[in-house]
C-alpha atoms as a PDB file:
ATOM      1  CA  MET A   1      83.629-245.547  30.172  1.00  0.00           C
ATOM      2  CA  PRO A   2      85.393-242.279  32.044  1.00  0.00           C
ATOM      3  CA  SER A   3      85.226-239.000  30.339  1.00  0.00           C
ATOM      4  CA  SER A   4      88.476-238.313  28.565  1.00  0.00           C
ATOM      5  CA  VAL A   5      87.794-234.718  29.429  1.00  0.00           C
ATOM      6  CA  ILE A   6      85.891-233.711  32.575  1.00  0.00           C
ATOM      7  CA  VAL A   7      85.032-230.267  33.212  1.00  0.00           C
ATOM      8  CA  THR A   8      84.363-228.882  36.691  1.00  0.00           C
ATOM      9  CA  LEU A   9      83.083-225.029  37.415  1.00  0.00           C
ATOM     10  CA  ASP A  10      83.532-223.618  41.139  1.00  0.00           C
ATOM     11  CA  PRO A  11      81.378-220.727  42.813  1.00  0.00           C
ATOM     12  CA  ARG A  12      84.013-218.170  41.519  1.00  0.00           C
ATOM     13  CA  GLY A  13      83.401-218.851  38.266  1.00  0.00           C
ATOM     14  CA  VAL A  14      86.037-220.767  37.358  1.00  0.00           C
ATOM     15  CA  ALA A  15      86.205-223.798  35.448  1.00  0.00           C
ATOM     16  CA  THR A  16      88.517-226.707  35.068  1.00  0.00           C
ATOM     17  CA  VAL A  17      89.112-228.424  32.326  1.00  0.00           C
ATOM     18  CA  MET A  18      90.928-231.677  32.859  1.00  0.00           C
ATOM     19  CA  LEU A  19      92.380-234.153  30.421  1.00  0.00           C
ATOM     20  CA  ASN A  20      91.658-237.532  31.450  1.00  0.00           C
ATOM     21  CA  ARG A  21      93.461-240.107  29.942  1.00  0.00           C
ATOM     22  CA  PRO A  22      95.998-240.389  32.899  1.00  0.00           C
ATOM     23  CA  ASP A  23      97.255-244.085  31.494  1.00  0.00           C
ATOM     24  CA  LYS A  24      98.248-242.248  28.039  1.00  0.00           C
ATOM     25  CA  HIS A  25      99.364-239.267  29.735  1.00  0.00           C
ATOM     26  CA  ASN A  26      96.658-237.632  28.098  1.00  0.00           C
ATOM     27  CA  ALA A  27      97.754-238.225  24.803  1.00  0.00           C
ATOM     28  CA  LEU A  28      95.411-236.783  22.212  1.00  0.00           C
ATOM     29  CA  ASP A  29      92.916-238.816  20.234  1.00  0.00           C
ATOM     30  CA  LEU A  30      89.833-237.563  18.457  1.00  0.00           C
ATOM     31  CA  GLN A  31      87.905-238.225  21.811  1.00  0.00           C
ATOM     32  CA  ILE A  32      90.096-236.085  23.447  1.00  0.00           C
ATOM     33  CA  PHE A  33      89.904-233.700  21.016  1.00  0.00           C
ATOM     34  CA  ASP A  34      85.861-233.347  20.482  1.00  0.00           C
ATOM     35  CA  GLY A  35      86.111-233.142  24.395  1.00  0.00           C
ATOM     36  CA  LEU A  36      87.946-230.038  24.150  1.00  0.00           C
ATOM     37  CA  HIS A  37      86.153-228.618  21.625  1.00  0.00           C
ATOM     38  CA  ASP A  38      82.986-229.276  23.103  1.00  0.00           C
ATOM     39  CA  ALA A  39      83.865-228.521  26.617  1.00  0.00           C
ATOM     40  CA  PHE A  40      85.598-224.871  25.234  1.00  0.00           C
ATOM     41  CA  ALA A  41      82.384-223.831  22.914  1.00  0.00           C
ATOM     42  CA  GLN A  42      79.946-224.545  26.136  1.00  0.00           C
ATOM     43  CA  LEU A  43      82.023-222.135  28.490  1.00  0.00           C
ATOM     44  CA  ALA A  44      81.981-219.691  25.945  1.00  0.00           C
ATOM     45  CA  GLU A  45      78.581-219.614  26.230  1.00  0.00           C
ATOM     46  CA  ASN A  46      78.288-219.598  29.851  1.00  0.00           C
ATOM     47  CA  ASN A  47      78.124-216.243  31.103  1.00  0.00           C
ATOM     48  CA  THR A  48      79.146-217.354  34.809  1.00  0.00           C
ATOM     49  CA  VAL A  49      82.132-218.682  33.757  1.00  0.00           C
ATOM     50  CA  ARG A  50      85.147-216.342  34.750  1.00  0.00           C
ATOM     51  CA  ALA A  51      88.288-217.958  33.796  1.00  0.00           C
ATOM     52  CA  VAL A  52      89.361-221.301  32.406  1.00  0.00           C
ATOM     53  CA  VAL A  53      92.114-223.774  34.187  1.00  0.00           C
ATOM     54  CA  LEU A  54      93.473-226.558  31.439  1.00  0.00           C
ATOM     55  CA  THR A  55      95.272-229.424  33.050  1.00  0.00           C
ATOM     56  CA  GLY A  56      96.082-233.318  32.779  1.00  0.00           C
ATOM     57  CA  ALA A  57      94.979-236.109  35.348  1.00  0.00           C
ATOM     58  CA  GLY A  58      98.225-238.091  36.536  1.00  0.00           C
ATOM     59  CA  LYS A  59     101.406-237.021  36.160  1.00  0.00           C
ATOM     60  CA  SER A  60     101.270-235.494  32.760  1.00  0.00           C
ATOM     61  CA  PHE A  61      99.792-232.798  31.504  1.00  0.00           C
ATOM     62  CA  CYS A  62     100.142-233.997  27.836  1.00  0.00           C
ATOM     63  CA  ALA A  63     101.926-236.995  25.933  1.00  0.00           C
ATOM     64  CA  GLY A  64     101.103-235.669  22.622  1.00  0.00           C
ATOM     65  CA  ALA A  65      99.092-237.379  19.842  1.00  0.00           C
ATOM     66  CA  ASP A  66      98.325-240.846  20.367  1.00  0.00           C
ATOM     67  CA  ILE A  67     100.825-242.826  18.556  1.00  0.00           C
ATOM     68  CA  THR A  68      97.718-246.153  18.135  1.00  0.00           C
ATOM     69  CA  HIS A  69      95.697-243.495  16.523  1.00  0.00           C
ATOM     70  CA  MET A  70      98.511-242.075  14.680  1.00  0.00           C
ATOM     71  CA  GLN A  71      99.425-245.447  13.083  1.00  0.00           C
ATOM     72  CA  HIS A  72      95.964-245.733  12.294  1.00  0.00           C
ATOM     73  CA  MET A  73      95.435-242.951  10.286  1.00  0.00           C
ATOM     74  CA  SER A  74      98.396-244.114   8.302  1.00  0.00           C
ATOM     75  CA  GLU A  75      96.696-246.601   6.528  1.00  0.00           C
ATOM     76  CA  ALA A  76      93.685-244.058   5.821  1.00  0.00           C
ATOM     77  CA  SER A  77      92.928-242.135   2.637  1.00  0.00           C
ATOM     78  CA  GLU A  78      94.144-238.722   2.199  1.00  0.00           C
ATOM     79  CA  THR A  79      90.457-237.215   2.046  1.00  0.00           C
ATOM     80  CA  ASP A  80      90.217-239.101   5.906  1.00  0.00           C
ATOM     81  CA  ASN A  81      93.737-237.888   7.321  1.00  0.00           C
ATOM     82  CA  PHE A  82      92.595-233.939   5.909  1.00  0.00           C
ATOM     83  CA  ASN A  83      89.179-234.759   8.448  1.00  0.00           C
ATOM     84  CA  ASP A  84      91.110-235.681  10.826  1.00  0.00           C
ATOM     85  CA  ALA A  85      93.318-232.886  11.064  1.00  0.00           C
ATOM     86  CA  MET A  86      90.724-230.095  11.035  1.00  0.00           C
ATOM     87  CA  VAL A  87      89.656-231.574  14.210  1.00  0.00           C
ATOM     88  CA  VAL A  88      92.463-231.408  15.244  1.00  0.00           C
ATOM     89  CA  ALA A  89      92.630-227.409  14.276  1.00  0.00           C
ATOM     90  CA  ARG A  90      89.540-226.320  15.114  1.00  0.00           C
ATOM     91  CA  CYS A  91      90.272-227.223  18.130  1.00  0.00           C
ATOM     92  CA  MET A  92      93.399-225.445  18.683  1.00  0.00           C
ATOM     93  CA  ARG A  93      91.607-222.549  16.993  1.00  0.00           C
ATOM     94  CA  THR A  94      88.612-222.576  19.918  1.00  0.00           C
ATOM     95  CA  ILE A  95      91.198-222.616  22.633  1.00  0.00           C
ATOM     96  CA  ASN A  96      93.352-219.695  20.997  1.00  0.00           C
ATOM     97  CA  GLU A  97      89.996-217.500  20.264  1.00  0.00           C
ATOM     98  CA  PHE A  98      88.466-218.582  23.554  1.00  0.00           C
ATOM     99  CA  SER A  99      87.087-215.203  25.056  1.00  0.00           C
ATOM    100  CA  LYS A 100      87.744-215.319  28.728  1.00  0.00           C
ATOM    101  CA  PRO A 101      91.105-215.754  30.159  1.00  0.00           C
ATOM    102  CA  VAL A 102      92.656-219.596  30.366  1.00  0.00           C
ATOM    103  CA  ILE A 103      95.402-220.125  32.113  1.00  0.00           C
ATOM    104  CA  ALA A 104      97.526-223.947  31.887  1.00  0.00           C
ATOM    105  CA  ARG A 105      98.293-225.583  34.597  1.00  0.00           C
ATOM    106  CA  ILE A 106     101.288-228.059  33.286  1.00  0.00           C
ATOM    107  CA  ASN A 107     101.546-230.271  35.834  1.00  0.00           C
ATOM    108  CA  GLY A 108     103.661-232.676  34.357  1.00  0.00           C
ATOM    109  CA  ASN A 109     105.676-233.508  30.739  1.00  0.00           C
ATOM    110  CA  ALA A 110     104.216-231.730  27.319  1.00  0.00           C
ATOM    111  CA  PHE A 111     104.956-233.222  24.159  1.00  0.00           C
ATOM    112  CA  GLY A 112     104.038-232.074  20.550  1.00  0.00           C
ATOM    113  CA  GLY A 113     100.423-231.068  20.359  1.00  0.00           C
ATOM    114  CA  GLY A 114     100.753-230.782  24.595  1.00  0.00           C
ATOM    115  CA  VAL A 115     102.835-227.787  23.623  1.00  0.00           C
ATOM    116  CA  GLY A 116     100.472-226.466  21.155  1.00  0.00           C
ATOM    117  CA  LEU A 117      97.955-226.462  23.883  1.00  0.00           C
ATOM    118  CA  ILE A 118      99.733-224.152  25.994  1.00  0.00           C
ATOM    119  CA  ALA A 119     100.734-221.941  23.307  1.00  0.00           C
ATOM    120  CA  CYS A 120      97.552-221.133  22.627  1.00  0.00           C
ATOM    121  CA  VAL A 121      96.522-219.957  26.582  1.00  0.00           C
ATOM    122  CA  ASP A 122      96.814-216.471  27.836  1.00  0.00           C
ATOM    123  CA  ILE A 123      99.142-217.744  30.963  1.00  0.00           C
ATOM    124  CA  ALA A 124     100.979-221.312  31.379  1.00  0.00           C
ATOM    125  CA  ILE A 125     102.407-222.025  35.117  1.00  0.00           C
ATOM    126  CA  ALA A 126     104.441-225.468  35.180  1.00  0.00           C
ATOM    127  CA  THR A 127     106.132-227.333  37.754  1.00  0.00           C
ATOM    128  CA  SER A 128     110.150-227.284  37.821  1.00  0.00           C
ATOM    129  CA  SER A 129     110.394-230.610  36.507  1.00  0.00           C
ATOM    130  CA  ALA A 130     108.532-230.539  33.373  1.00  0.00           C
ATOM    131  CA  LYS A 131     109.302-231.313  30.440  1.00  0.00           C
ATOM    132  CA  PHE A 132     108.600-230.345  26.870  1.00  0.00           C
ATOM    133  CA  THR A 133     109.422-231.309  23.559  1.00  0.00           C
ATOM    134  CA  LEU A 134     108.410-230.665  19.980  1.00  0.00           C
ATOM    135  CA  SER A 135     108.703-234.062  18.661  1.00  0.00           C
ATOM    136  CA  GLU A 136     106.885-234.163  15.424  1.00  0.00           C
ATOM    137  CA  VAL A 137     110.071-234.870  12.821  1.00  0.00           C
ATOM    138  CA  LYS A 138     111.220-238.117  14.806  1.00  0.00           C
ATOM    139  CA  LEU A 139     107.813-239.653  13.633  1.00  0.00           C
ATOM    140  CA  GLY A 140     108.306-238.139  10.007  1.00  0.00           C
ATOM    141  CA  LEU A 141     106.016-235.542  10.866  1.00  0.00           C
ATOM    142  CA  ALA A 142     105.254-231.964  11.047  1.00  0.00           C
ATOM    143  CA  ALA A 143     103.861-229.946  14.319  1.00  0.00           C
ATOM    144  CA  ALA A 144     101.843-228.534  11.037  1.00  0.00           C
ATOM    145  CA  VAL A 145      98.408-227.571  13.013  1.00  0.00           C
ATOM    146  CA  ILE A 146      99.798-226.087  15.969  1.00  0.00           C
ATOM    147  CA  SER A 147     102.878-224.037  13.588  1.00  0.00           C
ATOM    148  CA  PRO A 148     100.779-220.839  14.339  1.00  0.00           C
ATOM    149  CA  TYR A 149     100.513-220.725  17.886  1.00  0.00           C
ATOM    150  CA  ILE A 150     104.194-221.625  18.779  1.00  0.00           C
ATOM    151  CA  LEU A 151     105.054-219.360  16.475  1.00  0.00           C
ATOM    152  CA  SER A 152     103.518-216.690  18.749  1.00  0.00           C
ATOM    153  CA  ALA A 153     104.290-217.768  21.647  1.00  0.00           C
ATOM    154  CA  ILE A 154     108.431-218.077  21.127  1.00  0.00           C
ATOM    155  CA  GLY A 155     109.145-216.675  17.717  1.00  0.00           C
ATOM    156  CA  GLN A 156     110.050-218.273  14.328  1.00  0.00           C
ATOM    157  CA  ARG A 157     113.755-218.218  14.960  1.00  0.00           C
ATOM    158  CA  GLN A 158     113.408-220.460  18.411  1.00  0.00           C
ATOM    159  CA  ALA A 159     110.522-222.783  16.868  1.00  0.00           C
ATOM    160  CA  ARG A 160     112.873-223.671  13.730  1.00  0.00           C
ATOM    161  CA  ARG A 161     114.722-225.019  16.197  1.00  0.00           C
ATOM    162  CA  LEU A 162     112.984-226.836  18.325  1.00  0.00           C
ATOM    163  CA  MET A 163     110.478-228.333  15.740  1.00  0.00           C
ATOM    164  CA  LEU A 164     113.492-228.793  13.620  1.00  0.00           C
ATOM    165  CA  THR A 165     115.643-230.571  16.306  1.00  0.00           C
ATOM    166  CA  ALA A 166     112.917-231.828  18.242  1.00  0.00           C
ATOM    167  CA  ALA A 167     115.289-231.159  21.500  1.00  0.00           C
ATOM    168  CA  THR A 168     113.529-231.731  24.750  1.00  0.00           C
ATOM    169  CA  PHE A 169     113.825-228.781  27.372  1.00  0.00           C
ATOM    170  CA  GLY A 170     112.909-227.544  30.392  1.00  0.00           C
ATOM    171  CA  SER A 171     110.725-225.526  32.547  1.00  0.00           C
ATOM    172  CA  GLU A 172     113.829-223.138  33.163  1.00  0.00           C
ATOM    173  CA  GLU A 173     114.474-222.610  29.440  1.00  0.00           C
ATOM    174  CA  ALA A 174     110.251-222.795  28.521  1.00  0.00           C
ATOM    175  CA  LYS A 175     110.252-219.732  30.385  1.00  0.00           C
ATOM    176  CA  GLN A 176     113.369-217.914  28.493  1.00  0.00           C
ATOM    177  CA  LEU A 177     111.703-218.924  25.218  1.00  0.00           C
ATOM    178  CA  GLY A 178     108.144-217.360  26.887  1.00  0.00           C
ATOM    179  CA  LEU A 179     106.377-220.591  26.364  1.00  0.00           C
ATOM    180  CA  ILE A 180     105.629-220.730  29.673  1.00  0.00           C
ATOM    181  CA  HIS A 181     105.446-217.577  32.437  1.00  0.00           C
ATOM    182  CA  GLN A 182     106.245-219.361  35.454  1.00  0.00           C
ATOM    183  CA  HIS A 183     107.467-222.687  36.877  1.00  0.00           C
ATOM    184  CA  ILE A 184     107.696-223.691  40.386  1.00  0.00           C
ATOM    185  CA  ASN A 185     107.866-227.001  42.484  1.00  0.00           C
ATOM    186  CA  ASP A 186     104.766-229.396  42.240  1.00  0.00           C
ATOM    187  CA  GLN A 187     104.079-228.523  46.151  1.00  0.00           C
ATOM    188  CA  GLU A 188     103.599-224.764  45.023  1.00  0.00           C
ATOM    189  CA  LEU A 189     101.641-225.216  42.125  1.00  0.00           C
ATOM    190  CA  ASP A 190      98.084-224.609  42.951  1.00  0.00           C
ATOM    191  CA  GLN A 191      99.078-221.743  45.040  1.00  0.00           C
ATOM    192  CA  ALA A 192     100.770-220.365  42.097  1.00  0.00           C
ATOM    193  CA  ILE A 193      97.429-220.842  39.723  1.00  0.00           C
ATOM    194  CA  ASP A 194      95.029-219.738  42.849  1.00  0.00           C
ATOM    195  CA  GLN A 195      97.235-216.128  42.615  1.00  0.00           C
ATOM    196  CA  GLN A 196      96.204-215.028  38.694  1.00  0.00           C
ATOM    197  CA  LEU A 197      93.334-215.800  39.179  1.00  0.00           C
ATOM    198  CA  SER A 198      92.673-214.277  42.503  1.00  0.00           C
ATOM    199  CA  LEU A 199      94.488-211.109  39.945  1.00  0.00           C
ATOM    200  CA  LEU A 200      92.181-212.388  37.272  1.00  0.00           C
ATOM    201  CA  LEU A 201      88.871-212.509  38.948  1.00  0.00           C
ATOM    202  CA  GLU A 202      89.920-208.255  40.279  1.00  0.00           C
ATOM    203  CA  GLY A 203      89.456-207.320  36.612  1.00  0.00           C
ATOM    204  CA  GLY A 204      86.232-206.561  34.636  1.00  0.00           C
ATOM    205  CA  PRO A 205      84.949-209.270  32.606  1.00  0.00           C
ATOM    206  CA  ALA A 206      84.222-207.414  29.386  1.00  0.00           C
ATOM    207  CA  ALA A 207      87.008-205.379  29.682  1.00  0.00           C
ATOM    208  CA  GLN A 208      89.212-208.781  29.663  1.00  0.00           C
ATOM    209  CA  GLN A 209      87.274-210.216  26.313  1.00  0.00           C
ATOM    210  CA  ALA A 210      87.431-206.766  24.820  1.00  0.00           C
ATOM    211  CA  SER A 211      91.410-207.161  25.448  1.00  0.00           C
ATOM    212  CA  LYS A 212      92.034-210.582  23.861  1.00  0.00           C
ATOM    213  CA  ARG A 213      89.427-209.523  20.948  1.00  0.00           C
ATOM    214  CA  LEU A 214      91.955-206.897  20.199  1.00  0.00           C
ATOM    215  CA  LEU A 215      95.463-208.636  20.851  1.00  0.00           C
ATOM    216  CA  HIS A 216      94.021-211.129  18.518  1.00  0.00           C
ATOM    217  CA  GLU A 217      92.745-208.456  16.355  1.00  0.00           C
ATOM    218  CA  ILE A 218      96.070-206.022  16.130  1.00  0.00           C
ATOM    219  CA  SER A 219      98.408-209.451  16.183  1.00  0.00           C
ATOM    220  CA  ASN A 220      96.921-210.438  12.970  1.00  0.00           C
ATOM    221  CA  LEU A 221      97.418-206.925  11.287  1.00  0.00           C
ATOM    222  CA  ASN A 222     100.823-205.526   9.196  1.00  0.00           C
ATOM    223  CA  SER A 223     102.207-202.471   9.553  1.00  0.00           C
ATOM    224  CA  GLU A 224     100.614-201.076   6.696  1.00  0.00           C
ATOM    225  CA  ASP A 225      97.107-200.915   9.028  1.00  0.00           C
ATOM    226  CA  ARG A 226      98.747-198.548  11.272  1.00  0.00           C
ATOM    227  CA  ASP A 227      95.658-196.420  10.625  1.00  0.00           C
ATOM    228  CA  MET A 228      93.112-199.307  11.396  1.00  0.00           C
ATOM    229  CA  ILE A 229      95.267-200.261  14.331  1.00  0.00           C
ATOM    230  CA  THR A 230      94.760-196.411  15.791  1.00  0.00           C
ATOM    231  CA  ALA A 231      91.108-195.873  15.080  1.00  0.00           C
ATOM    232  CA  ARG A 232      90.715-199.912  16.935  1.00  0.00           C
ATOM    233  CA  THR A 233      91.835-199.084  19.780  1.00  0.00           C
ATOM    234  CA  ALA A 234      90.698-195.864  20.252  1.00  0.00           C
ATOM    235  CA  LYS A 235      86.918-197.660  19.610  1.00  0.00           C
ATOM    236  CA  THR A 236      87.634-200.001  22.493  1.00  0.00           C
ATOM    237  CA  LEU A 237      88.674-197.709  24.841  1.00  0.00           C
ATOM    238  CA  ALA A 238      85.883-195.004  24.406  1.00  0.00           C
ATOM    239  CA  ARG A 239      83.451-197.863  24.154  1.00  0.00           C
ATOM    240  CA  LEU A 240      84.551-199.637  27.877  1.00  0.00           C
ATOM    241  CA  ARG A 241      84.546-195.919  28.939  1.00  0.00           C
ATOM    242  CA  LYS A 242      81.000-196.027  28.159  1.00  0.00           C
ATOM    243  CA  SER A 243      79.921-199.498  29.001  1.00  0.00           C
ATOM    244  CA  PRO A 244      78.528-200.247  32.980  1.00  0.00           C
ATOM    245  CA  GLU A 245      81.545-202.529  34.009  1.00  0.00           C
ATOM    246  CA  GLY A 246      83.392-199.573  33.001  1.00  0.00           C
ATOM    247  CA  ARG A 247      81.822-196.671  35.214  1.00  0.00           C
ATOM    248  CA  GLU A 248      81.259-199.313  37.498  1.00  0.00           C
ATOM    249  CA  GLY A 249      85.208-199.586  37.704  1.00  0.00           C
ATOM    250  CA  VAL A 250      85.913-195.967  37.671  1.00  0.00           C
ATOM    251  CA  GLN A 251      83.224-195.475  40.883  1.00  0.00           C
ATOM    252  CA  ALA A 252      84.625-197.888  43.181  1.00  0.00           C
ATOM    253  CA  PHE A 253      88.214-196.604  42.667  1.00  0.00           C
ATOM    254  CA  LEU A 254      86.912-193.800  43.270  1.00  0.00           C
ATOM    255  CA  GLN A 255      84.514-194.317  46.266  1.00  0.00           C
ATOM    256  CA  LYS A 256      87.792-197.123  47.639  1.00  0.00           C
ATOM    257  CA  ARG A 257      85.737-200.087  47.549  1.00  0.00           C
ATOM    258  CA  LYS A 258      85.672-203.462  44.971  1.00  0.00           C
ATOM    259  CA  PRO A 259      83.734-203.766  41.786  1.00  0.00           C
ATOM    260  CA  ASN A 260      80.829-205.707  41.584  1.00  0.00           C
ATOM    261  CA  TRP A 261      82.374-208.317  39.811  1.00  0.00           C
ATOM    262  CA  CYS A 262      84.723-208.866  42.161  1.00  0.00           C
ATOM    263  CA  PRO A 263      83.947-212.156  44.889  1.00  0.00           C
END
């Protein structure tokens, strides 16, 4: 049986994580969630990995939850359903908190949990023909475990509308909402991804990871934590200035050469 998640790594240190159920439009079941979690957990430990591209096989990015699996879980106990939902929640959190840059290569439609995956990455680029929907309410369900990431990506006001209506929207609206950063025709999708990867590979790996950690920490603080935010940001900058990577970056700039992390 072919793997439902395929991971490849190129010489640049760019990993591709591909959902591989094209006949099911990459619908999400436990096997895919386990595969995604394990893939990102292993890539986090691989020091040669600089960035990750998340995409889908075939014509769709991700059709959301596998209906057959959902039907099976409707007959299971509440405890079993909770444990199943925790697998989903753990996977989403692992991707959202992944330490290195992640790009979603949205090669087709994304529904339900597929939209959640997009909301968990750092950069999202879609084909102009892609359609999106948070379709859970049409099944009598809620976009529950993905809701924190949807809120972070598009804000509560837009999330209310889309989660309550399950309205389908296109790539232009997805860009306006902030769900994706760019949409482009199918033939130019890979070129657009490579452009973003080229930019990422010019950045210091440690600096990028520190930036992601800092943004996650700041986004979880409230207005009463301004002093903590001020101190935390100052400490991050001070630490990076003194780090080998920081010193190398400044010296490379002054010497008009590429820093040693650039390909």
